[in-house]
Amino acid sequence: MIAKNCEGRVPAPPAFPDAADTALLNAIDAAQSKAACAMADLAIGQALEAIWGAMSEANLYFADQAPWALRKSDPARADTVLYTTAEAIRRLAIMASWAIPDGAAKMLDLLAIAPDARGFNALGSPLAPGAELPPPSGVFPRLELDAA
């Protein structure tokens, strides 16, 4: 949607985020904290559970906010949703990079995140508005089930 509606550039973040935007980013911050605590205890399953839970929150946010519908009625809000979603994906990809390195790297490539900005220390540096993104492409292969 960013490629189609924002000329392939990261939209600007909102000056005053909506409660839903703030709730999503707070959920990701909480997941980061939970994952770090779990990893300190070598509780890998709990760390993954925290990250995957935040990914589910991001999916729900995107579906609930429906930027494809907002584009027609409130383009500025649609841009806010796209920025917030892209920022959520950036943070979650960094957080999950130890578990799904290839997939996380592809997601970060699609957000034009430099290799030196992919470490956990980059989680506090938000996505740069105006950054030019590469053309979109799939990250994970589609699951094809045999119709046997």
Protein backbone atom coordinates (compact mmCIF):
# COMPACT_ATOMS: atom_id res chain seq x y z
CA MET A 1 0.00 0.00 0.00
CA ILE A 2 2.92 2.35 0.65
CA ALA A 3 4.25 1.72 -2.85
CA LYS A 4 0.87 2.44 -4.39
CA ASN A 5 -0.39 5.28 -2.19
CA CYS A 6 2.73 7.02 -0.86
CA GLU A 7 4.94 7.03 -3.96
CA GLY A 8 7.02 4.24 -2.44
CA ARG A 9 8.17 6.39 0.47
CA VAL A 10 7.59 5.93 4.18
CA PRO A 11 4.80 8.34 5.15
CA ALA A 12 5.39 10.86 7.90
CA PRO A 13 4.45 9.78 11.43
CA PRO A 14 1.52 11.56 13.04
CA ALA A 15 2.07 14.61 15.19
CA PHE A 16 -0.67 13.35 17.50
CA PRO A 17 -1.05 9.55 17.29
CA ASP A 18 -4.44 7.94 17.71
CA ALA A 19 -5.08 5.76 20.76
CA ALA A 20 -4.93 2.66 18.54
CA ASP A 21 -1.49 3.66 17.20
CA THR A 22 -0.16 4.22 20.70
CA ALA A 23 -1.69 0.97 21.97
CA LEU A 24 0.01 -1.05 19.22
CA LEU A 25 3.44 0.49 19.79
CA ASN A 26 3.04 0.07 23.56
CA ALA A 27 2.14 -3.60 23.04
CA ILE A 28 5.33 -4.05 21.02
CA ASP A 29 7.37 -2.32 23.74
CA ALA A 30 5.82 -4.65 26.33
CA ALA A 31 6.60 -7.68 24.15
CA GLN A 32 10.19 -6.50 23.81
CA SER A 33 10.50 -6.28 27.58
CA LYS A 34 8.87 -9.69 28.11
CA ALA A 35 11.08 -11.27 25.46
CA ALA A 36 14.23 -9.79 27.00
CA CYS A 37 13.28 -11.06 30.46
CA ALA A 38 12.43 -14.49 29.06
CA MET A 39 15.74 -14.70 27.19
CA ALA A 40 17.62 -13.73 30.36
CA ASP A 41 16.06 -16.85 31.91
CA LEU A 42 16.72 -18.88 28.72
CA ALA A 43 12.95 -19.28 28.29
CA ILE A 44 13.05 -19.24 24.50
CA GLY A 45 9.44 -20.37 24.11
CA GLN A 46 8.20 -17.51 26.27
CA ALA A 47 10.29 -15.03 24.32
CA LEU A 48 8.81 -16.27 21.05
CA GLU A 49 5.32 -16.21 22.53
CA ALA A 50 5.73 -12.53 23.44
CA ILE A 51 6.98 -11.63 19.95
CA TRP A 52 4.33 -13.67 18.12
CA GLY A 53 1.65 -12.12 20.35
CA ALA A 54 2.79 -8.64 19.35
CA MET A 55 2.74 -9.73 15.70
CA SER A 56 -0.88 -10.76 16.17
CA GLU A 57 -1.59 -7.32 17.66
CA ALA A 58 -0.05 -5.70 14.57
CA ASN A 59 -2.20 -7.85 12.27
CA LEU A 60 -5.34 -6.93 14.22
CA TYR A 61 -4.41 -3.23 14.18
CA PHE A 62 -3.97 -3.25 10.40
CA ALA A 63 -7.22 -5.13 9.80
CA ASP A 64 -9.19 -2.96 12.24
CA GLN A 65 -7.80 0.33 10.93
CA ALA A 66 -8.40 -0.70 7.29
CA PRO A 67 -6.10 1.83 5.57
CA TRP A 68 -7.48 0.77 2.16
CA ALA A 69 -10.88 2.19 3.22
CA LEU A 70 -9.37 5.18 5.03
CA ARG A 71 -7.53 6.14 1.83
CA LYS A 72 -10.90 7.24 0.38
CA SER A 73 -12.27 9.07 3.43
CA ASP A 74 -9.23 10.20 5.43
CA PRO A 75 -5.93 9.96 3.52
CA ALA A 76 -3.91 11.50 6.37
CA ARG A 77 -5.18 8.84 8.78
CA ALA A 78 -4.42 6.14 6.19
CA ASP A 79 -0.82 7.43 6.04
CA THR A 80 -0.65 7.30 9.84
CA VAL A 81 -1.82 3.69 9.84
CA LEU A 82 0.72 2.79 7.15
CA TYR A 83 3.54 4.50 9.06
CA THR A 84 2.55 2.84 12.35
CA THR A 85 2.29 -0.56 10.66
CA ALA A 86 5.67 -0.16 8.97
CA GLU A 87 7.24 0.88 12.29
CA ALA A 88 5.63 -2.12 14.00
CA ILE A 89 6.99 -4.44 11.31
CA ARG A 90 10.46 -2.91 11.68
CA ARG A 91 10.52 -3.45 15.43
CA LEU A 92 9.04 -6.94 15.24
CA ALA A 93 11.44 -8.02 12.50
CA ILE A 94 14.39 -6.89 14.61
CA MET A 95 12.98 -8.65 17.66
CA ALA A 96 12.39 -11.88 15.70
CA SER A 97 15.67 -11.81 13.76
CA TRP A 98 17.30 -14.41 16.01
CA ALA A 99 14.42 -16.85 15.39
CA ILE A 100 13.69 -16.22 11.69
CA PRO A 101 16.86 -14.58 10.37
CA ASP A 102 16.14 -14.87 6.64
CA GLY A 103 12.51 -13.74 6.88
CA ALA A 104 13.35 -10.88 9.24
CA ALA A 105 16.16 -9.74 6.93
CA LYS A 106 13.77 -9.72 3.95
CA MET A 107 11.24 -7.66 5.91
CA LEU A 108 13.93 -5.18 6.91
CA ASP A 109 15.15 -5.04 3.30
CA LEU A 110 11.61 -4.08 2.23
CA LEU A 111 11.69 -1.26 4.78
CA ALA A 112 15.10 -0.10 3.46
CA ILE A 113 16.70 -0.62 6.88
CA ALA A 114 20.48 -0.49 6.61
CA PRO A 115 22.36 -3.57 7.88
CA ASP A 116 23.93 -1.56 10.69
CA ALA A 117 20.45 -0.49 11.92
CA ARG A 118 19.08 -4.01 12.44
CA GLY A 119 20.41 -4.77 15.91
CA PHE A 120 18.43 -4.68 19.13
CA ASN A 121 20.03 -1.33 19.93
CA ALA A 122 18.15 0.13 16.91
CA LEU A 123 14.73 -0.64 18.39
CA GLY A 124 14.54 2.86 19.88
CA SER A 125 15.31 4.63 16.60
CA PRO A 126 12.04 5.04 14.69
CA LEU A 127 11.57 4.49 10.99
CA ALA A 128 12.69 7.49 8.95
CA PRO A 129 9.81 9.22 7.15
CA GLY A 130 10.40 9.86 3.48
CA ALA A 131 12.74 6.89 3.07
CA GLU A 132 12.41 5.37 -0.38
CA LEU A 133 11.34 1.73 -0.24
CA PRO A 134 12.18 -0.95 -2.79
CA PRO A 135 9.36 -2.50 -4.81
CA PRO A 136 7.29 -4.85 -2.64
CA SER A 137 7.86 -8.59 -2.84
CA GLY A 138 6.89 -11.67 -0.88
CA VAL A 139 8.81 -12.54 2.25
CA PHE A 140 7.60 -16.06 2.99
CA PRO A 141 6.52 -18.60 0.38
CA ARG A 142 2.82 -19.32 0.13
CA LEU A 143 1.70 -22.59 1.68
CA GLU A 144 0.41 -24.74 -1.14
CA LEU A 145 -1.53 -27.80 -0.03
CA ASP A 146 -2.00 -30.72 -2.36
CA ALA A 147 -5.64 -31.27 -3.25
CA ALA A 148 -5.36 -35.02 -2.76
